[in-house]
Amino acid sequence: MTEAERTITTPDGPDEAPGTAAEAQDTAPRTEASGAAPAPDAASRTRRVPVLIAVAALAYLLDVLSKLWVVHSLEHRDPIRLLGHYLQLDATRNAGAAFGMGQGMTIVFTLIAVGVIAVIVRLSRRLYSTPWAIALGLLLGGAFGNLTDRVFRAPGGFQGRVVDFIAPEHFAIFNLADSAICCGGALIVLLSFRGVDPDGSRHED
């Protein structure tokens, strides 16, 4: 082989380097992009179970403490007027559901409360939405609050009477657990109308 043929057929080292370097530079950004993309998604998909537990614990604690105060300081006494006759604190025992509905069906509402708690625990496995965590936390805390009364208050046997004490004029008497349940339910309805699911995704009807 002549010197001219060797020159034509054999690529020169420096000529090959730019192409190789360009390919390496072109590959590097793709590798970085593919590796970095899941990171923000993973961070945004953190489960919101701690939020649910914190809200539920706060709602439950406020309900239990308020009922202890009512039983100790308000039961069998004259009502306390907060806004004249429009809003009073008046202790009473309720054998029904929220706002005094369903009297005589205590055991049924006890089973319903247990079912609600079970459903919330199941939903928490895919709970990535903070608003949903707050809503479910309110439901959970309220359900536990009234369930505690049904289990531990007279006459017992999952038929205990719930302590109610918030008495607006021309409206049913209720407690903080009832308020938490209603607020949680209203928030769930709002989130559903806005197309927000418990897993944080959105859907359009």
N, C-alpha and C. Protein backbone atom coordinates (compact mmCIF):
# COMPACT_ATOMS: atom_id res chain seq x y z
N MET A 1 0.86 -1.19 0.00
CA MET A 1 0.00 0.00 0.00
C MET A 1 0.89 1.23 0.00
N THR A 2 0.51 2.14 -0.91
CA THR A 2 1.32 3.34 -1.04
C THR A 2 1.03 4.30 0.09
N GLU A 3 1.86 5.31 0.24
CA GLU A 3 1.70 6.33 1.29
C GLU A 3 0.40 7.10 1.07
N ALA A 4 0.02 7.33 -0.21
CA ALA A 4 -1.22 8.07 -0.50
C ALA A 4 -2.44 7.28 -0.06
N GLU A 5 -2.43 5.91 -0.31
CA GLU A 5 -3.57 5.08 0.09
C GLU A 5 -3.72 5.05 1.59
N ARG A 6 -2.58 4.95 2.31
CA ARG A 6 -2.65 4.94 3.77
C ARG A 6 -3.23 6.25 4.29
N THR A 7 -2.91 7.31 3.64
CA THR A 7 -3.42 8.61 4.08
C THR A 7 -4.92 8.71 3.90
N ILE A 8 -5.46 8.12 2.80
CA ILE A 8 -6.89 8.20 2.50
C ILE A 8 -7.69 7.26 3.40
N THR A 9 -7.24 5.99 3.58
CA THR A 9 -8.03 4.98 4.28
C THR A 9 -7.90 5.04 5.79
N THR A 10 -6.84 5.58 6.34
CA THR A 10 -6.62 5.61 7.79
C THR A 10 -7.03 6.95 8.34
N PRO A 11 -8.12 7.01 9.21
CA PRO A 11 -8.53 8.32 9.76
C PRO A 11 -7.50 8.81 10.74
N ASP A 12 -7.35 10.09 10.73
CA ASP A 12 -6.39 10.72 11.62
C ASP A 12 -6.99 10.87 13.00
N GLY A 13 -6.21 10.64 14.06
CA GLY A 13 -6.69 10.70 15.43
C GLY A 13 -7.40 11.98 15.77
N PRO A 14 -6.83 13.14 15.54
CA PRO A 14 -7.46 14.41 15.89
C PRO A 14 -8.78 14.63 15.18
N ASP A 15 -8.96 14.08 13.90
CA ASP A 15 -10.23 14.26 13.20
C ASP A 15 -11.35 13.47 13.85
N GLU A 16 -11.02 12.33 14.48
CA GLU A 16 -12.04 11.47 15.08
C GLU A 16 -12.52 12.04 16.41
N ALA A 17 -11.65 12.73 17.12
CA ALA A 17 -11.98 13.20 18.48
C ALA A 17 -13.16 14.12 18.53
N PRO A 18 -13.26 15.12 17.62
CA PRO A 18 -14.40 16.03 17.71
C PRO A 18 -15.73 15.31 17.62
N GLY A 19 -15.86 14.32 16.72
CA GLY A 19 -17.11 13.59 16.58
C GLY A 19 -17.44 12.82 17.83
N THR A 20 -16.44 12.16 18.40
CA THR A 20 -16.66 11.40 19.62
C THR A 20 -17.05 12.31 20.76
N ALA A 21 -16.38 13.44 20.90
CA ALA A 21 -16.69 14.40 21.96
C ALA A 21 -18.09 14.94 21.80
N ALA A 22 -18.49 15.22 20.53
CA ALA A 22 -19.83 15.75 20.29
C ALA A 22 -20.89 14.75 20.68
N GLU A 23 -20.62 13.44 20.35
CA GLU A 23 -21.59 12.41 20.73
C GLU A 23 -21.68 12.30 22.24
N ALA A 24 -20.54 12.39 22.92
CA ALA A 24 -20.55 12.29 24.38
C ALA A 24 -21.31 13.44 25.00
N GLN A 25 -21.07 14.67 24.41
CA GLN A 25 -21.77 15.83 24.95
C GLN A 25 -23.26 15.74 24.68
N ASP A 26 -23.62 15.15 23.51
CA ASP A 26 -25.03 15.02 23.17
C ASP A 26 -25.72 13.99 24.06
N THR A 27 -24.96 12.95 24.45
CA THR A 27 -25.53 11.88 25.29
C THR A 27 -25.68 12.32 26.73
N ALA A 28 -24.74 13.13 27.23
CA ALA A 28 -24.74 13.52 28.63
C ALA A 28 -26.01 14.25 29.04
N PRO A 29 -26.46 15.26 28.27
CA PRO A 29 -27.69 15.94 28.69
C PRO A 29 -28.88 15.03 28.74
N ARG A 30 -28.93 14.04 27.74
CA ARG A 30 -30.06 13.12 27.76
C ARG A 30 -30.03 12.27 28.99
N THR A 31 -28.84 11.83 29.40
CA THR A 31 -28.72 11.01 30.61
C THR A 31 -29.12 11.79 31.84
N GLU A 32 -28.65 13.07 31.89
CA GLU A 32 -28.99 13.90 33.04
C GLU A 32 -30.49 14.16 33.09
N ALA A 33 -31.07 14.44 31.90
CA ALA A 33 -32.49 14.75 31.87
C ALA A 33 -33.32 13.56 32.30
N SER A 34 -32.95 12.36 31.80
CA SER A 34 -33.71 11.17 32.16
C SER A 34 -33.55 10.84 33.62
N GLY A 35 -32.41 11.14 34.20
CA GLY A 35 -32.20 10.83 35.60
C GLY A 35 -32.84 11.85 36.53
N ALA A 36 -32.93 13.13 36.11
CA ALA A 36 -33.43 14.18 37.00
C ALA A 36 -34.94 14.30 36.95
N ALA A 37 -35.59 13.84 35.86
CA ALA A 37 -37.02 14.04 35.72
C ALA A 37 -37.85 13.41 36.84
N PRO A 38 -37.57 12.16 37.27
CA PRO A 38 -38.42 11.56 38.29
C PRO A 38 -38.29 12.24 39.65
N ALA A 39 -37.18 12.97 39.90
CA ALA A 39 -36.95 13.52 41.24
C ALA A 39 -38.05 14.46 41.70
N PRO A 40 -38.43 15.50 40.88
CA PRO A 40 -39.49 16.38 41.34
C PRO A 40 -40.79 15.64 41.52
N ASP A 41 -41.08 14.66 40.62
CA ASP A 41 -42.32 13.91 40.72
C ASP A 41 -42.37 13.12 42.02
N ALA A 42 -41.24 12.51 42.38
CA ALA A 42 -41.20 11.73 43.62
C ALA A 42 -41.43 12.62 44.83
N ALA A 43 -40.86 13.83 44.79
CA ALA A 43 -41.04 14.73 45.92
C ALA A 43 -42.49 15.18 46.04
N SER A 44 -43.12 15.45 44.88
CA SER A 44 -44.50 15.93 44.90
C SER A 44 -45.47 14.82 45.24
N ARG A 45 -45.05 13.55 45.20
CA ARG A 45 -45.93 12.42 45.47
C ARG A 45 -45.78 11.89 46.88
N THR A 46 -45.29 12.72 47.78
CA THR A 46 -45.18 12.28 49.18
C THR A 46 -46.57 12.10 49.77
N ARG A 47 -46.78 11.00 50.43
CA ARG A 47 -48.08 10.74 51.03
C ARG A 47 -48.36 11.75 52.14
N ARG A 48 -49.62 12.16 52.26
CA ARG A 48 -50.01 13.18 53.22
C ARG A 48 -50.64 12.58 54.48
N VAL A 49 -50.25 11.36 54.81
CA VAL A 49 -50.78 10.71 56.00
C VAL A 49 -50.46 11.50 57.28
N PRO A 50 -49.24 12.07 57.44
CA PRO A 50 -48.99 12.87 58.65
C PRO A 50 -49.96 14.04 58.80
N VAL A 51 -50.34 14.67 57.68
CA VAL A 51 -51.31 15.76 57.75
C VAL A 51 -52.66 15.24 58.23
N LEU A 52 -53.08 14.11 57.68
CA LEU A 52 -54.34 13.49 58.09
C LEU A 52 -54.33 13.20 59.59
N ILE A 53 -53.25 12.60 60.08
CA ILE A 53 -53.17 12.22 61.49
C ILE A 53 -53.17 13.45 62.38
N ALA A 54 -52.44 14.50 61.98
CA ALA A 54 -52.37 15.72 62.78
C ALA A 54 -53.74 16.39 62.89
N VAL A 55 -54.44 16.51 61.75
CA VAL A 55 -55.77 17.14 61.76
C VAL A 55 -56.75 16.30 62.57
N ALA A 56 -56.71 14.98 62.39
CA ALA A 56 -57.62 14.10 63.13
C ALA A 56 -57.35 14.19 64.64
N ALA A 57 -56.08 14.21 65.01
CA ALA A 57 -55.73 14.28 66.43
C ALA A 57 -56.20 15.59 67.05
N LEU A 58 -56.03 16.70 66.30
CA LEU A 58 -56.46 18.00 66.82
C LEU A 58 -57.97 18.05 66.98
N ALA A 59 -58.70 17.59 65.96
CA ALA A 59 -60.17 17.59 66.04
C ALA A 59 -60.65 16.71 67.18
N TYR A 60 -60.03 15.56 67.34
CA TYR A 60 -60.43 14.63 68.41
C TYR A 60 -60.13 15.22 69.78
N LEU A 61 -58.95 15.81 69.93
CA LEU A 61 -58.56 16.37 71.23
C LEU A 61 -59.49 17.51 71.64
N LEU A 62 -59.79 18.41 70.70
CA LEU A 62 -60.69 19.52 71.01
C LEU A 62 -62.08 19.02 71.39
N ASP A 63 -62.55 17.99 70.69
CA ASP A 63 -63.87 17.45 71.00
C ASP A 63 -63.90 16.81 72.38
N VAL A 64 -62.90 16.00 72.69
CA VAL A 64 -62.87 15.31 73.98
C VAL A 64 -62.75 16.31 75.13
N LEU A 65 -61.86 17.29 75.00
CA LEU A 65 -61.67 18.28 76.07
C LEU A 65 -62.92 19.12 76.27
N SER A 66 -63.58 19.50 75.18
CA SER A 66 -64.79 20.30 75.31
C SER A 66 -65.90 19.51 76.01
N LYS A 67 -66.01 18.22 75.70
CA LYS A 67 -67.04 17.40 76.35
C LYS A 67 -66.74 17.17 77.82
N LEU A 68 -65.47 17.00 78.15
CA LEU A 68 -65.10 16.87 79.56
C LEU A 68 -65.49 18.13 80.34
N TRP A 69 -65.22 19.28 79.73
CA TRP A 69 -65.59 20.53 80.39
C TRP A 69 -67.11 20.65 80.54
N VAL A 70 -67.84 20.27 79.49
CA VAL A 70 -69.30 20.37 79.53
C VAL A 70 -69.87 19.48 80.63
N VAL A 71 -69.41 18.24 80.70
CA VAL A 71 -69.92 17.31 81.71
C VAL A 71 -69.59 17.81 83.11
N HIS A 72 -68.40 18.36 83.28
CA HIS A 72 -67.97 18.79 84.61
C HIS A 72 -68.57 20.13 85.03
N SER A 73 -68.72 21.06 84.08
CA SER A 73 -69.07 22.43 84.46
C SER A 73 -70.43 22.91 83.97
N LEU A 74 -71.06 22.20 83.04
CA LEU A 74 -72.27 22.72 82.43
C LEU A 74 -73.48 21.81 82.59
N GLU A 75 -73.25 20.52 82.68
CA GLU A 75 -74.38 19.59 82.76
C GLU A 75 -75.18 19.81 84.04
N HIS A 76 -76.51 19.75 83.89
CA HIS A 76 -77.45 19.97 85.00
C HIS A 76 -77.39 21.39 85.55
N ARG A 77 -76.96 22.32 84.72
CA ARG A 77 -76.92 23.73 85.10
C ARG A 77 -77.58 24.58 84.03
N ASP A 78 -77.80 25.83 84.34
CA ASP A 78 -78.43 26.73 83.37
C ASP A 78 -77.50 26.94 82.18
N PRO A 79 -78.10 27.11 81.00
CA PRO A 79 -77.28 27.34 79.79
C PRO A 79 -76.48 28.63 79.90
N ILE A 80 -75.36 28.64 79.19
CA ILE A 80 -74.53 29.85 79.11
C ILE A 80 -74.85 30.56 77.79
N ARG A 81 -75.26 31.81 77.89
CA ARG A 81 -75.59 32.57 76.70
C ARG A 81 -74.34 33.24 76.12
N LEU A 82 -74.06 32.92 74.87
CA LEU A 82 -72.92 33.53 74.19
C LEU A 82 -73.35 34.73 73.36
N LEU A 83 -74.46 34.60 72.65
CA LEU A 83 -75.02 35.68 71.83
C LEU A 83 -76.50 35.83 72.17
N GLY A 84 -76.76 36.15 73.41
CA GLY A 84 -78.14 36.27 73.85
C GLY A 84 -78.87 34.95 73.69
N HIS A 85 -80.06 34.99 73.12
CA HIS A 85 -80.81 33.75 72.89
C HIS A 85 -80.50 33.13 71.53
N TYR A 86 -79.62 33.79 70.75
CA TYR A 86 -79.28 33.26 69.42
C TYR A 86 -78.30 32.10 69.49
N LEU A 87 -77.41 32.10 70.46
CA LEU A 87 -76.42 31.03 70.59
C LEU A 87 -76.12 30.79 72.06
N GLN A 88 -76.34 29.55 72.50
CA GLN A 88 -76.11 29.19 73.90
C GLN A 88 -75.29 27.91 73.99
N LEU A 89 -74.71 27.70 75.15
CA LEU A 89 -74.08 26.43 75.49
C LEU A 89 -75.00 25.72 76.46
N ASP A 90 -75.56 24.61 76.01
CA ASP A 90 -76.57 23.90 76.81
C ASP A 90 -76.31 22.41 76.70
N ALA A 91 -75.88 21.80 77.79
CA ALA A 91 -75.49 20.38 77.78
C ALA A 91 -76.70 19.47 77.64
N THR A 92 -76.56 18.48 76.78
CA THR A 92 -77.59 17.47 76.61
C THR A 92 -76.94 16.18 76.14
N ARG A 93 -77.66 15.07 76.25
CA ARG A 93 -77.16 13.77 75.78
C ARG A 93 -77.98 13.34 74.58
N ASN A 94 -77.29 12.88 73.54
CA ASN A 94 -77.92 12.55 72.27
C ASN A 94 -77.70 11.09 71.93
N ALA A 95 -78.80 10.36 71.74
CA ALA A 95 -78.71 8.94 71.38
C ALA A 95 -78.72 8.72 69.87
N GLY A 96 -78.84 9.81 69.11
CA GLY A 96 -78.91 9.68 67.66
C GLY A 96 -77.62 10.06 66.97
N ALA A 97 -77.77 10.53 65.75
CA ALA A 97 -76.60 10.93 64.95
C ALA A 97 -76.34 12.41 65.15
N ALA A 98 -75.57 12.99 64.22
CA ALA A 98 -75.26 14.41 64.31
C ALA A 98 -76.53 15.24 64.30
N PHE A 99 -76.53 16.30 65.10
CA PHE A 99 -77.65 17.23 65.20
C PHE A 99 -78.93 16.56 65.71
N GLY A 100 -78.76 15.47 66.47
CA GLY A 100 -79.90 14.85 67.12
C GLY A 100 -80.77 13.99 66.23
N MET A 101 -80.34 13.71 65.01
CA MET A 101 -81.15 12.91 64.10
C MET A 101 -81.02 11.43 64.42
N GLY A 102 -82.09 10.68 64.11
CA GLY A 102 -82.05 9.23 64.26
C GLY A 102 -82.02 8.74 65.69
N GLN A 103 -82.82 9.33 66.55
CA GLN A 103 -82.88 8.90 67.94
C GLN A 103 -83.31 7.42 68.00
N GLY A 104 -82.69 6.67 68.89
CA GLY A 104 -83.02 5.26 69.04
C GLY A 104 -82.25 4.35 68.10
N MET A 105 -81.34 4.90 67.28
CA MET A 105 -80.57 4.08 66.34
C MET A 105 -79.07 4.17 66.67
N THR A 106 -78.78 4.22 67.95
CA THR A 106 -77.40 4.43 68.39
C THR A 106 -76.45 3.38 67.86
N ILE A 107 -76.84 2.11 67.96
CA ILE A 107 -75.96 1.03 67.54
C ILE A 107 -75.68 1.09 66.04
N VAL A 108 -76.68 1.54 65.27
CA VAL A 108 -76.50 1.67 63.81
C VAL A 108 -75.46 2.73 63.51
N PHE A 109 -75.56 3.87 64.17
CA PHE A 109 -74.61 4.96 63.92
C PHE A 109 -73.21 4.60 64.43
N THR A 110 -73.15 3.77 65.45
CA THR A 110 -71.84 3.28 65.91
C THR A 110 -71.17 2.46 64.83
N LEU A 111 -71.94 1.57 64.19
CA LEU A 111 -71.38 0.75 63.12
C LEU A 111 -71.01 1.60 61.91
N ILE A 112 -71.82 2.62 61.63
CA ILE A 112 -71.49 3.52 60.52
C ILE A 112 -70.17 4.25 60.79
N ALA A 113 -69.99 4.71 62.03
CA ALA A 113 -68.74 5.40 62.38
C ALA A 113 -67.54 4.49 62.20
N VAL A 114 -67.68 3.23 62.60
CA VAL A 114 -66.58 2.27 62.43
C VAL A 114 -66.29 2.07 60.94
N GLY A 115 -67.35 1.99 60.13
CA GLY A 115 -67.16 1.83 58.69
C GLY A 115 -66.47 3.03 58.06
N VAL A 116 -66.84 4.24 58.50
CA VAL A 116 -66.20 5.46 57.98
C VAL A 116 -64.71 5.46 58.30
N ILE A 117 -64.38 5.08 59.52
CA ILE A 117 -62.96 5.04 59.93
C ILE A 117 -62.19 4.04 59.07
N ALA A 118 -62.81 2.88 58.80
CA ALA A 118 -62.14 1.86 57.99
C ALA A 118 -61.90 2.37 56.57
N VAL A 119 -62.88 3.06 56.00
CA VAL A 119 -62.73 3.60 54.64
C VAL A 119 -61.62 4.64 54.59
N ILE A 120 -61.55 5.51 55.60
CA ILE A 120 -60.52 6.55 55.63
C ILE A 120 -59.13 5.91 55.72
N VAL A 121 -58.99 4.89 56.55
CA VAL A 121 -57.70 4.20 56.68
C VAL A 121 -57.29 3.59 55.34
N ARG A 122 -58.27 3.05 54.62
CA ARG A 122 -57.96 2.45 53.32
C ARG A 122 -57.56 3.53 52.31
N LEU A 123 -58.26 4.66 52.30
CA LEU A 123 -57.92 5.75 51.38
C LEU A 123 -56.54 6.33 51.66
N SER A 124 -56.10 6.26 52.90
CA SER A 124 -54.81 6.86 53.26
C SER A 124 -53.64 6.20 52.54
N ARG A 125 -53.83 5.01 52.01
CA ARG A 125 -52.75 4.33 51.29
C ARG A 125 -52.36 5.05 50.01
N ARG A 126 -53.29 5.79 49.43
CA ARG A 126 -52.99 6.53 48.19
C ARG A 126 -53.34 8.01 48.36
N LEU A 127 -53.07 8.53 49.54
CA LEU A 127 -53.42 9.92 49.85
C LEU A 127 -52.21 10.82 49.60
N TYR A 128 -52.27 11.58 48.49
CA TYR A 128 -51.18 12.49 48.13
C TYR A 128 -51.65 13.95 48.04
N SER A 129 -52.90 14.20 48.35
CA SER A 129 -53.46 15.55 48.28
C SER A 129 -53.61 16.13 49.68
N THR A 130 -53.01 17.30 49.91
CA THR A 130 -53.12 17.94 51.22
C THR A 130 -54.56 18.33 51.57
N PRO A 131 -55.32 18.95 50.64
CA PRO A 131 -56.72 19.26 50.97
C PRO A 131 -57.53 18.03 51.33
N TRP A 132 -57.31 16.93 50.61
CA TRP A 132 -58.01 15.69 50.94
C TRP A 132 -57.57 15.17 52.31
N ALA A 133 -56.30 15.31 52.63
CA ALA A 133 -55.81 14.88 53.94
C ALA A 133 -56.49 15.67 55.07
N ILE A 134 -56.67 16.97 54.85
CA ILE A 134 -57.36 17.80 55.85
C ILE A 134 -58.81 17.38 55.98
N ALA A 135 -59.48 17.17 54.85
CA ALA A 135 -60.89 16.77 54.87
C ALA A 135 -61.08 15.43 55.57
N LEU A 136 -60.27 14.45 55.20
CA LEU A 136 -60.39 13.13 55.82
C LEU A 136 -59.97 13.16 57.29
N GLY A 137 -59.01 14.03 57.63
CA GLY A 137 -58.62 14.18 59.03
C GLY A 137 -59.76 14.71 59.88
N LEU A 138 -60.50 15.69 59.35
CA LEU A 138 -61.66 16.21 60.06
C LEU A 138 -62.72 15.13 60.25
N LEU A 139 -62.98 14.36 59.19
CA LEU A 139 -63.94 13.26 59.30
C LEU A 139 -63.49 12.23 60.33
N LEU A 140 -62.22 11.87 60.27
CA LEU A 140 -61.69 10.85 61.16
C LEU A 140 -61.74 11.31 62.62
N GLY A 141 -61.30 12.54 62.88
CA GLY A 141 -61.33 13.06 64.24
C GLY A 141 -62.74 13.17 64.78
N GLY A 142 -63.67 13.65 63.95
CA GLY A 142 -65.06 13.75 64.38
C GLY A 142 -65.70 12.40 64.64
N ALA A 143 -65.42 11.44 63.74
CA ALA A 143 -65.99 10.11 63.92
C ALA A 143 -65.46 9.45 65.18
N PHE A 144 -64.17 9.60 65.45
CA PHE A 144 -63.58 9.05 66.67
C PHE A 144 -64.15 9.74 67.91
N GLY A 145 -64.39 11.05 67.82
CA GLY A 145 -64.92 11.77 68.96
C GLY A 145 -66.28 11.26 69.40
N ASN A 146 -67.21 11.14 68.45
CA ASN A 146 -68.54 10.64 68.80
C ASN A 146 -68.52 9.15 69.11
N LEU A 147 -67.62 8.40 68.44
CA LEU A 147 -67.52 6.97 68.73
C LEU A 147 -67.04 6.74 70.16
N THR A 148 -66.15 7.59 70.64
CA THR A 148 -65.69 7.48 72.03
C THR A 148 -66.85 7.61 73.00
N ASP A 149 -67.75 8.55 72.74
CA ASP A 149 -68.94 8.69 73.59
C ASP A 149 -69.80 7.44 73.54
N ARG A 150 -70.00 6.90 72.37
CA ARG A 150 -70.89 5.74 72.23
C ARG A 150 -70.32 4.50 72.91
N VAL A 151 -69.01 4.44 72.97
CA VAL A 151 -68.38 3.26 73.59
C VAL A 151 -68.29 3.40 75.11
N PHE A 152 -67.95 4.58 75.60
CA PHE A 152 -67.60 4.73 77.01
C PHE A 152 -68.66 5.42 77.87
N ARG A 153 -69.61 6.11 77.28
CA ARG A 153 -70.61 6.79 78.09
C ARG A 153 -71.84 5.91 78.29
N ALA A 154 -72.62 6.23 79.33
CA ALA A 154 -73.82 5.46 79.65
C ALA A 154 -74.82 5.53 78.49
N PRO A 155 -75.56 4.44 78.23
CA PRO A 155 -75.61 3.19 79.01
C PRO A 155 -74.56 2.15 78.62
N GLY A 156 -73.63 2.50 77.74
CA GLY A 156 -72.56 1.57 77.36
C GLY A 156 -73.01 0.61 76.28
N GLY A 157 -72.14 -0.39 76.02
CA GLY A 157 -72.48 -1.40 75.02
C GLY A 157 -72.63 -0.83 73.63
N PHE A 158 -71.79 0.13 73.24
CA PHE A 158 -71.83 0.79 71.95
C PHE A 158 -73.14 1.56 71.74
N GLN A 159 -73.84 1.87 72.82
CA GLN A 159 -75.08 2.63 72.75
C GLN A 159 -75.02 3.87 73.63
N GLY A 160 -73.82 4.30 73.97
CA GLY A 160 -73.67 5.48 74.82
C GLY A 160 -74.22 6.74 74.16
N ARG A 161 -74.66 7.66 74.97
CA ARG A 161 -75.24 8.91 74.47
C ARG A 161 -74.14 9.96 74.29
N VAL A 162 -74.17 10.61 73.15
CA VAL A 162 -73.16 11.61 72.80
C VAL A 162 -73.47 12.93 73.51
N VAL A 163 -72.44 13.59 73.99
CA VAL A 163 -72.59 14.88 74.66
C VAL A 163 -72.66 15.98 73.61
N ASP A 164 -73.78 16.70 73.58
CA ASP A 164 -73.95 17.87 72.71
C ASP A 164 -74.12 19.11 73.57
N PHE A 165 -73.70 20.26 73.04
CA PHE A 165 -73.79 21.46 73.89
C PHE A 165 -73.86 22.77 73.12
N ILE A 166 -73.62 22.80 71.82
CA ILE A 166 -73.70 24.04 71.04
C ILE A 166 -75.13 24.18 70.54
N ALA A 167 -75.82 25.20 71.02
CA ALA A 167 -77.27 25.30 70.78
C ALA A 167 -77.64 26.63 70.13
N PRO A 168 -77.60 26.70 68.78
CA PRO A 168 -78.09 27.91 68.11
C PRO A 168 -79.62 27.95 68.16
N GLU A 169 -80.17 29.13 68.07
CA GLU A 169 -81.62 29.26 68.09
C GLU A 169 -82.22 28.69 66.81
N HIS A 170 -83.32 27.94 66.94
CA HIS A 170 -84.05 27.33 65.82
C HIS A 170 -83.16 26.36 65.03
N PHE A 171 -82.25 25.71 65.71
CA PHE A 171 -81.39 24.74 65.04
C PHE A 171 -81.06 23.63 66.03
N ALA A 172 -80.68 22.47 65.47
CA ALA A 172 -80.37 21.32 66.33
C ALA A 172 -79.11 21.59 67.15
N ILE A 173 -79.06 21.01 68.33
CA ILE A 173 -77.88 21.13 69.18
C ILE A 173 -76.81 20.15 68.71
N PHE A 174 -75.55 20.55 68.80
CA PHE A 174 -74.47 19.71 68.27
C PHE A 174 -73.21 19.91 69.09
N ASN A 175 -72.11 19.26 68.66
CA ASN A 175 -70.83 19.38 69.35
C ASN A 175 -69.71 19.61 68.33
N LEU A 176 -68.47 19.66 68.81
CA LEU A 176 -67.35 19.94 67.92
C LEU A 176 -67.07 18.79 66.96
N ALA A 177 -67.35 17.56 67.38
CA ALA A 177 -67.17 16.42 66.48
C ALA A 177 -68.12 16.52 65.29
N ASP A 178 -69.38 16.90 65.56
CA ASP A 178 -70.33 17.10 64.46
C ASP A 178 -69.84 18.18 63.51
N SER A 179 -69.29 19.26 64.07
CA SER A 179 -68.78 20.35 63.24
C SER A 179 -67.63 19.88 62.36
N ALA A 180 -66.72 19.08 62.93
CA ALA A 180 -65.59 18.56 62.16
C ALA A 180 -66.07 17.66 61.02
N ILE A 181 -67.06 16.82 61.31
CA ILE A 181 -67.59 15.92 60.29
C ILE A 181 -68.22 16.71 59.15
N CYS A 182 -69.01 17.73 59.50
CA CYS A 182 -69.67 18.54 58.47
C CYS A 182 -68.66 19.33 57.64
N CYS A 183 -67.65 19.91 58.29
CA CYS A 183 -66.63 20.66 57.55
C CYS A 183 -65.83 19.74 56.64
N GLY A 184 -65.47 18.56 57.14
CA GLY A 184 -64.76 17.60 56.30
C GLY A 184 -65.59 17.15 55.12
N GLY A 185 -66.88 16.88 55.35
CA GLY A 185 -67.76 16.48 54.26
C GLY A 185 -67.92 17.58 53.22
N ALA A 186 -68.07 18.82 53.67
CA ALA A 186 -68.21 19.93 52.75
C ALA A 186 -66.95 20.12 51.90
N LEU A 187 -65.79 19.96 52.52
CA LEU A 187 -64.53 20.08 51.79
C LEU A 187 -64.39 18.97 50.76
N ILE A 188 -64.83 17.77 51.09
CA ILE A 188 -64.77 16.66 50.13
C ILE A 188 -65.66 16.94 48.92
N VAL A 189 -66.87 17.48 49.17
CA VAL A 189 -67.76 17.84 48.06
C VAL A 189 -67.11 18.90 47.17
N LEU A 190 -66.49 19.91 47.78
CA LEU A 190 -65.83 20.96 47.02
C LEU A 190 -64.69 20.40 46.17
N LEU A 191 -63.89 19.54 46.77
CA LEU A 191 -62.77 18.94 46.03
C LEU A 191 -63.27 18.08 44.88
N SER A 192 -64.37 17.37 45.10
CA SER A 192 -64.93 16.53 44.04
C SER A 192 -65.44 17.38 42.88
N PHE A 193 -66.09 18.51 43.20
CA PHE A 193 -66.56 19.41 42.14
C PHE A 193 -65.40 19.99 41.36
N ARG A 194 -64.28 20.22 42.03
CA ARG A 194 -63.11 20.79 41.36
C ARG A 194 -62.28 19.73 40.64
N GLY A 195 -62.68 18.48 40.75
CA GLY A 195 -61.98 17.41 40.04
C GLY A 195 -60.70 16.95 40.67
N VAL A 196 -60.53 17.18 41.97
CA VAL A 196 -59.31 16.77 42.68
C VAL A 196 -59.55 15.43 43.35
N ASP A 197 -58.69 14.47 43.07
CA ASP A 197 -58.80 13.13 43.66
C ASP A 197 -57.86 13.00 44.86
N PRO A 198 -58.11 12.01 45.74
CA PRO A 198 -57.24 11.82 46.91
C PRO A 198 -55.78 11.59 46.56
N ASP A 199 -55.50 11.03 45.37
CA ASP A 199 -54.11 10.79 45.00
C ASP A 199 -53.43 12.02 44.40
N GLY A 200 -54.13 13.17 44.42
CA GLY A 200 -53.55 14.40 43.91
C GLY A 200 -53.78 14.66 42.44
N SER A 201 -54.31 13.69 41.71
CA SER A 201 -54.56 13.88 40.29
C SER A 201 -55.85 14.66 40.08
N ARG A 202 -56.04 15.15 38.88
CA ARG A 202 -57.24 15.90 38.53
C ARG A 202 -57.96 15.20 37.38
N HIS A 203 -59.26 15.29 37.40
CA HIS A 203 -60.05 14.73 36.31
C HIS A 203 -61.10 15.74 35.87
N GLU A 204 -61.55 15.61 34.67
CA GLU A 204 -62.59 16.48 34.14
C GLU A 204 -63.77 15.63 33.72
N ASP A 205 -64.96 16.06 34.16
CA ASP A 205 -66.19 15.32 33.79
C ASP A 205 -66.60 15.66 32.36
